[in-house]
Amino acid sequence: MSVSQPAVGRPQSTLYTPAERARRDASVWTLVQGILAPLQFLAFAVSLCLVVNFLLNGVGFEAATLSVIVKTSLLYAIMVTGAIWEKVVFGRYLFAPAFFWEDVVSMLVMALHTAYVVMWLMGWGTPAEQMWIALAAYSTYVVNALQFLLKFQAARQTVSIDTAPAAAVLGVQGALDS
């Protein structure tokens, strides 16, 4: 199978073929995603507090706005680099079979974050309405983040299962050598 072809017929329990796993492990974009994801989550957590504070108390609109813009900027960075990562690993920029539904929800996340930015730039809606859009965007972000966490947990378990027989063989071989 070439990089440009999707992994049709991939077993349900395997997230990566051996070739895809090798490309994933060799790609600098894997590290970039590993750095951006927790940064985005930190920005989300801080921003969520600021947005909720504004909605509850009516103060801190500027700080909340800045935090949503920072969170959205990190989202765009992780989406662009994630698309590059997906191209390197799976041969397509988006909607590779292994991450199809995560990418679908990511599009909704992007749409809501972008709607917030457009509302803010154009001055559409009240500050509270803008912040409610930010909360809607954050709700979809949480769903999407959970999708990815579950997917990577499944991948980790698959790797453990895939390497267990090899480890057992190596263990037996080691015992035979002694």
C-alpha atoms as a PDB file:
ATOM      1  CA  MET A   1       0.000   0.000   0.000  1.00  0.00           C
ATOM      2  CA  SER A   2       1.433   3.390  -0.935  1.00  0.00           C
ATOM      3  CA  VAL A   3       1.239   6.512   1.193  1.00  0.00           C
ATOM      4  CA  SER A   4      -1.267   8.055  -1.196  1.00  0.00           C
ATOM      5  CA  GLN A   5      -3.737   5.201  -0.878  1.00  0.00           C
ATOM      6  CA  PRO A   6      -6.134   4.887   2.059  1.00  0.00           C
ATOM      7  CA  ALA A   7      -5.960   1.804   4.217  1.00  0.00           C
ATOM      8  CA  VAL A   8      -9.087   0.148   2.855  1.00  0.00           C
ATOM      9  CA  GLY A   9      -9.929  -3.064   4.607  1.00  0.00           C
ATOM     10  CA  ARG A  10      -8.005  -2.064   7.743  1.00  0.00           C
ATOM     11  CA  PRO A  11      -9.018  -4.310  10.637  1.00  0.00           C
ATOM     12  CA  GLN A  12     -11.306  -2.482  13.062  1.00  0.00           C
ATOM     13  CA  SER A  13      -8.971  -3.067  16.018  1.00  0.00           C
ATOM     14  CA  THR A  14      -5.861  -1.614  14.372  1.00  0.00           C
ATOM     15  CA  LEU A  15      -5.503   2.147  14.184  1.00  0.00           C
ATOM     16  CA  TYR A  16      -2.233   2.085  12.233  1.00  0.00           C
ATOM     17  CA  THR A  17      -0.717  -0.366   9.813  1.00  0.00           C
ATOM     18  CA  PRO A  18       2.952  -1.100  10.555  1.00  0.00           C
ATOM     19  CA  ALA A  19       3.978   1.299   7.764  1.00  0.00           C
ATOM     20  CA  GLU A  20       1.686   4.039   9.089  1.00  0.00           C
ATOM     21  CA  ARG A  21       3.021   3.531  12.612  1.00  0.00           C
ATOM     22  CA  ALA A  22       6.575   3.851  11.299  1.00  0.00           C
ATOM     23  CA  ARG A  23       5.691   7.076   9.442  1.00  0.00           C
ATOM     24  CA  ARG A  24       3.919   8.413  12.529  1.00  0.00           C
ATOM     25  CA  ASP A  25       6.891   7.666  14.766  1.00  0.00           C
ATOM     26  CA  ALA A  26       9.383   9.186  12.292  1.00  0.00           C
ATOM     27  CA  SER A  27       7.434  12.385  11.617  1.00  0.00           C
ATOM     28  CA  VAL A  28       8.359  15.674  13.287  1.00  0.00           C
ATOM     29  CA  TRP A  29       4.664  16.538  13.025  1.00  0.00           C
ATOM     30  CA  THR A  30       3.899  13.934  15.690  1.00  0.00           C
ATOM     31  CA  LEU A  31       6.032  15.939  18.125  1.00  0.00           C
ATOM     32  CA  VAL A  32       4.436  19.195  16.989  1.00  0.00           C
ATOM     33  CA  GLN A  33       0.980  17.747  17.688  1.00  0.00           C
ATOM     34  CA  GLY A  34       2.197  16.457  21.047  1.00  0.00           C
ATOM     35  CA  ILE A  35       3.281  19.988  22.006  1.00  0.00           C
ATOM     36  CA  LEU A  36       0.315  21.893  20.567  1.00  0.00           C
ATOM     37  CA  ALA A  37      -2.409  19.673  22.029  1.00  0.00           C
ATOM     38  CA  PRO A  38      -1.601  20.350  25.708  1.00  0.00           C
ATOM     39  CA  LEU A  39      -0.956  24.047  24.958  1.00  0.00           C
ATOM     40  CA  GLN A  40      -4.369  24.292  23.335  1.00  0.00           C
ATOM     41  CA  PHE A  41      -5.955  22.526  26.302  1.00  0.00           C
ATOM     42  CA  LEU A  42      -4.265  24.936  28.732  1.00  0.00           C
ATOM     43  CA  ALA A  43      -5.500  27.899  26.673  1.00  0.00           C
ATOM     44  CA  PHE A  44      -8.974  26.338  26.670  1.00  0.00           C
ATOM     45  CA  ALA A  45      -9.007  25.871  30.465  1.00  0.00           C
ATOM     46  CA  VAL A  46      -7.894  29.458  31.148  1.00  0.00           C
ATOM     47  CA  SER A  47     -10.247  30.850  28.519  1.00  0.00           C
ATOM     48  CA  LEU A  48     -13.202  28.839  29.780  1.00  0.00           C
ATOM     49  CA  CYS A  49     -12.729  30.359  33.227  1.00  0.00           C
ATOM     50  CA  LEU A  50     -12.530  33.871  31.770  1.00  0.00           C
ATOM     51  CA  VAL A  51     -15.558  33.396  29.515  1.00  0.00           C
ATOM     52  CA  VAL A  52     -17.675  31.929  32.315  1.00  0.00           C
ATOM     53  CA  ASN A  53     -16.537  34.717  34.654  1.00  0.00           C
ATOM     54  CA  PHE A  54     -17.653  37.303  32.108  1.00  0.00           C
ATOM     55  CA  LEU A  55     -21.027  35.613  31.593  1.00  0.00           C
ATOM     56  CA  LEU A  56     -21.659  35.288  35.332  1.00  0.00           C
ATOM     57  CA  ASN A  57     -20.271  38.617  36.515  1.00  0.00           C
ATOM     58  CA  GLY A  58     -20.272  40.874  33.451  1.00  0.00           C
ATOM     59  CA  VAL A  59     -16.601  41.795  33.893  1.00  0.00           C
ATOM     60  CA  GLY A  60     -13.430  40.896  32.045  1.00  0.00           C
ATOM     61  CA  PHE A  61     -14.753  40.983  28.493  1.00  0.00           C
ATOM     62  CA  GLU A  62     -11.405  42.060  27.045  1.00  0.00           C
ATOM     63  CA  ALA A  63      -9.497  39.279  28.841  1.00  0.00           C
ATOM     64  CA  ALA A  64     -12.106  36.713  27.815  1.00  0.00           C
ATOM     65  CA  THR A  65     -11.978  37.913  24.212  1.00  0.00           C
ATOM     66  CA  LEU A  66      -8.183  37.773  24.103  1.00  0.00           C
ATOM     67  CA  SER A  67      -8.249  34.269  25.577  1.00  0.00           C
ATOM     68  CA  VAL A  68     -10.716  33.030  22.945  1.00  0.00           C
ATOM     69  CA  ILE A  69      -8.554  34.521  20.194  1.00  0.00           C
ATOM     70  CA  VAL A  70      -5.463  32.788  21.631  1.00  0.00           C
ATOM     71  CA  LYS A  71      -7.373  29.482  21.911  1.00  0.00           C
ATOM     72  CA  THR A  72      -8.655  29.860  18.349  1.00  0.00           C
ATOM     73  CA  SER A  73      -5.158  30.632  17.049  1.00  0.00           C
ATOM     74  CA  LEU A  74      -3.836  27.467  18.688  1.00  0.00           C
ATOM     75  CA  LEU A  75      -6.764  25.539  17.204  1.00  0.00           C
ATOM     76  CA  TYR A  76      -5.878  26.750  13.708  1.00  0.00           C
ATOM     77  CA  ALA A  77      -2.222  25.836  14.288  1.00  0.00           C
ATOM     78  CA  ILE A  78      -3.085  22.341  15.473  1.00  0.00           C
ATOM     79  CA  MET A  79      -5.540  21.842  12.597  1.00  0.00           C
ATOM     80  CA  VAL A  80      -3.034  22.873   9.920  1.00  0.00           C
ATOM     81  CA  THR A  81      -0.186  20.841  11.400  1.00  0.00           C
ATOM     82  CA  GLY A  82      -2.584  17.960  12.078  1.00  0.00           C
ATOM     83  CA  ALA A  83      -3.598  17.923   8.416  1.00  0.00           C
ATOM     84  CA  ILE A  84       0.069  17.785   7.444  1.00  0.00           C
ATOM     85  CA  TRP A  85       0.603  14.971   9.975  1.00  0.00           C
ATOM     86  CA  GLU A  86      -2.362  13.072   8.527  1.00  0.00           C
ATOM     87  CA  LYS A  87      -0.926  13.476   5.004  1.00  0.00           C
ATOM     88  CA  VAL A  88       2.462  12.138   6.134  1.00  0.00           C
ATOM     89  CA  VAL A  89       0.997   9.187   8.029  1.00  0.00           C
ATOM     90  CA  PHE A  90      -2.110   8.266   5.997  1.00  0.00           C
ATOM     91  CA  GLY A  91      -1.539   9.870   2.597  1.00  0.00           C
ATOM     92  CA  ARG A  92      -4.356  12.432   2.748  1.00  0.00           C
ATOM     93  CA  TYR A  93      -4.746  15.766   4.464  1.00  0.00           C
ATOM     94  CA  LEU A  94      -8.077  15.056   6.114  1.00  0.00           C
ATOM     95  CA  PHE A  95     -10.672  12.346   6.536  1.00  0.00           C
ATOM     96  CA  ALA A  96      -8.318   9.366   6.522  1.00  0.00           C
ATOM     97  CA  PRO A  97     -10.399   6.336   7.500  1.00  0.00           C
ATOM     98  CA  ALA A  98      -8.646   5.974  10.858  1.00  0.00           C
ATOM     99  CA  PHE A  99      -9.571   9.538  11.895  1.00  0.00           C
ATOM    100  CA  PHE A 100     -12.657  10.204   9.791  1.00  0.00           C
ATOM    101  CA  TRP A 101     -15.121  11.018  12.603  1.00  0.00           C
ATOM    102  CA  GLU A 102     -12.552  12.999  14.562  1.00  0.00           C
ATOM    103  CA  ASP A 103     -11.997  15.125  11.452  1.00  0.00           C
ATOM    104  CA  VAL A 104     -15.751  15.567  10.918  1.00  0.00           C
ATOM    105  CA  VAL A 105     -16.196  16.897  14.454  1.00  0.00           C
ATOM    106  CA  SER A 106     -13.035  19.004  14.041  1.00  0.00           C
ATOM    107  CA  MET A 107     -14.745  20.795  11.146  1.00  0.00           C
ATOM    108  CA  LEU A 108     -17.639  21.728  13.455  1.00  0.00           C
ATOM    109  CA  VAL A 109     -15.139  22.895  16.090  1.00  0.00           C
ATOM    110  CA  MET A 110     -13.408  25.054  13.462  1.00  0.00           C
ATOM    111  CA  ALA A 111     -16.717  26.447  12.189  1.00  0.00           C
ATOM    112  CA  LEU A 112     -17.840  27.548  15.652  1.00  0.00           C
ATOM    113  CA  HIS A 113     -14.481  29.069  16.574  1.00  0.00           C
ATOM    114  CA  THR A 114     -14.425  30.874  13.228  1.00  0.00           C
ATOM    115  CA  ALA A 115     -17.990  32.105  13.794  1.00  0.00           C
ATOM    116  CA  TYR A 116     -16.850  33.604  17.087  1.00  0.00           C
ATOM    117  CA  VAL A 117     -13.900  35.369  15.442  1.00  0.00           C
ATOM    118  CA  VAL A 118     -16.116  36.735  12.647  1.00  0.00           C
ATOM    119  CA  MET A 119     -18.678  37.976  15.177  1.00  0.00           C
ATOM    120  CA  TRP A 120     -15.930  39.662  17.183  1.00  0.00           C
ATOM    121  CA  LEU A 121     -14.232  41.241  14.164  1.00  0.00           C
ATOM    122  CA  MET A 122     -17.483  42.465  12.642  1.00  0.00           C
ATOM    123  CA  GLY A 123     -18.954  43.602  15.950  1.00  0.00           C
ATOM    124  CA  TRP A 124     -21.950  41.331  15.484  1.00  0.00           C
ATOM    125  CA  GLY A 125     -23.979  40.422  18.539  1.00  0.00           C
ATOM    126  CA  THR A 126     -23.639  41.551  22.097  1.00  0.00           C
ATOM    127  CA  PRO A 127     -20.571  40.615  24.112  1.00  0.00           C
ATOM    128  CA  ALA A 128     -22.667  37.984  25.904  1.00  0.00           C
ATOM    129  CA  GLU A 129     -23.875  36.505  22.590  1.00  0.00           C
ATOM    130  CA  GLN A 130     -20.294  36.317  21.371  1.00  0.00           C
ATOM    131  CA  MET A 131     -19.261  34.513  24.554  1.00  0.00           C
ATOM    132  CA  TRP A 132     -22.138  32.043  24.187  1.00  0.00           C
ATOM    133  CA  ILE A 133     -20.794  31.202  20.722  1.00  0.00           C
ATOM    134  CA  ALA A 134     -17.364  30.713  22.314  1.00  0.00           C
ATOM    135  CA  LEU A 135     -18.933  28.316  24.835  1.00  0.00           C
ATOM    136  CA  ALA A 136     -20.622  26.398  22.014  1.00  0.00           C
ATOM    137  CA  ALA A 137     -17.253  26.171  20.274  1.00  0.00           C
ATOM    138  CA  TYR A 138     -15.656  24.977  23.511  1.00  0.00           C
ATOM    139  CA  SER A 139     -18.338  22.316  23.973  1.00  0.00           C
ATOM    140  CA  THR A 140     -17.562  20.840  20.572  1.00  0.00           C
ATOM    141  CA  TYR A 141     -13.827  21.121  21.335  1.00  0.00           C
ATOM    142  CA  VAL A 142     -14.340  18.987  24.465  1.00  0.00           C
ATOM    143  CA  VAL A 143     -16.190  16.339  22.441  1.00  0.00           C
ATOM    144  CA  ASN A 144     -13.423  16.372  19.818  1.00  0.00           C
ATOM    145  CA  ALA A 145     -10.659  16.202  22.420  1.00  0.00           C
ATOM    146  CA  LEU A 146     -12.374  13.194  24.008  1.00  0.00           C
ATOM    147  CA  GLN A 147     -12.593  11.526  20.589  1.00  0.00           C
ATOM    148  CA  PHE A 148      -8.852  11.919  20.107  1.00  0.00           C
ATOM    149  CA  LEU A 149      -8.013  10.791  23.640  1.00  0.00           C
ATOM    150  CA  LEU A 150     -10.110   7.653  23.200  1.00  0.00           C
ATOM    151  CA  LYS A 151      -8.535   6.998  19.799  1.00  0.00           C
ATOM    152  CA  PHE A 152      -4.999   7.347  21.140  1.00  0.00           C
ATOM    153  CA  GLN A 153      -5.828   5.189  24.157  1.00  0.00           C
ATOM    154  CA  ALA A 154      -7.076   2.509  21.757  1.00  0.00           C
ATOM    155  CA  ALA A 155      -3.887   2.880  19.715  1.00  0.00           C
ATOM    156  CA  ARG A 156      -1.776   2.463  22.831  1.00  0.00           C
ATOM    157  CA  GLN A 157      -3.662  -0.704  23.758  1.00  0.00           C
ATOM    158  CA  THR A 158      -3.282  -2.020  20.207  1.00  0.00           C
ATOM    159  CA  VAL A 159       0.470  -1.423  20.336  1.00  0.00           C
ATOM    160  CA  SER A 160       0.631  -3.314  23.637  1.00  0.00           C
ATOM    161  CA  ILE A 161      -1.284  -6.237  22.142  1.00  0.00           C
ATOM    162  CA  ASP A 162       0.777  -6.167  18.928  1.00  0.00           C
ATOM    163  CA  THR A 163       4.090  -6.181  20.798  1.00  0.00           C
ATOM    164  CA  ALA A 164       3.090  -8.696  23.483  1.00  0.00           C
ATOM    165  CA  PRO A 165       3.665 -11.790  21.305  1.00  0.00           C
ATOM    166  CA  ALA A 166       7.046 -10.439  20.210  1.00  0.00           C
ATOM    167  CA  ALA A 167       8.005  -9.739  23.809  1.00  0.00           C
ATOM    168  CA  ALA A 168       6.937 -13.243  24.809  1.00  0.00           C
ATOM    169  CA  VAL A 169       9.006 -14.759  22.003  1.00  0.00           C
ATOM    170  CA  LEU A 170      11.999 -12.642  22.982  1.00  0.00           C
ATOM    171  CA  GLY A 171      11.532 -13.687  26.601  1.00  0.00           C
ATOM    172  CA  VAL A 172      11.433 -17.351  25.650  1.00  0.00           C
ATOM    173  CA  GLN A 173      14.450 -16.862  23.380  1.00  0.00           C
ATOM    174  CA  GLY A 174      16.304 -15.174  26.243  1.00  0.00           C
ATOM    175  CA  ALA A 175      15.509 -18.087  28.546  1.00  0.00           C
ATOM    176  CA  LEU A 176      16.729 -20.567  25.926  1.00  0.00           C
ATOM    177  CA  ASP A 177      19.975 -18.627  25.489  1.00  0.00           C
ATOM    178  CA  SER A 178      20.832 -18.756  29.209  1.00  0.00           C
END
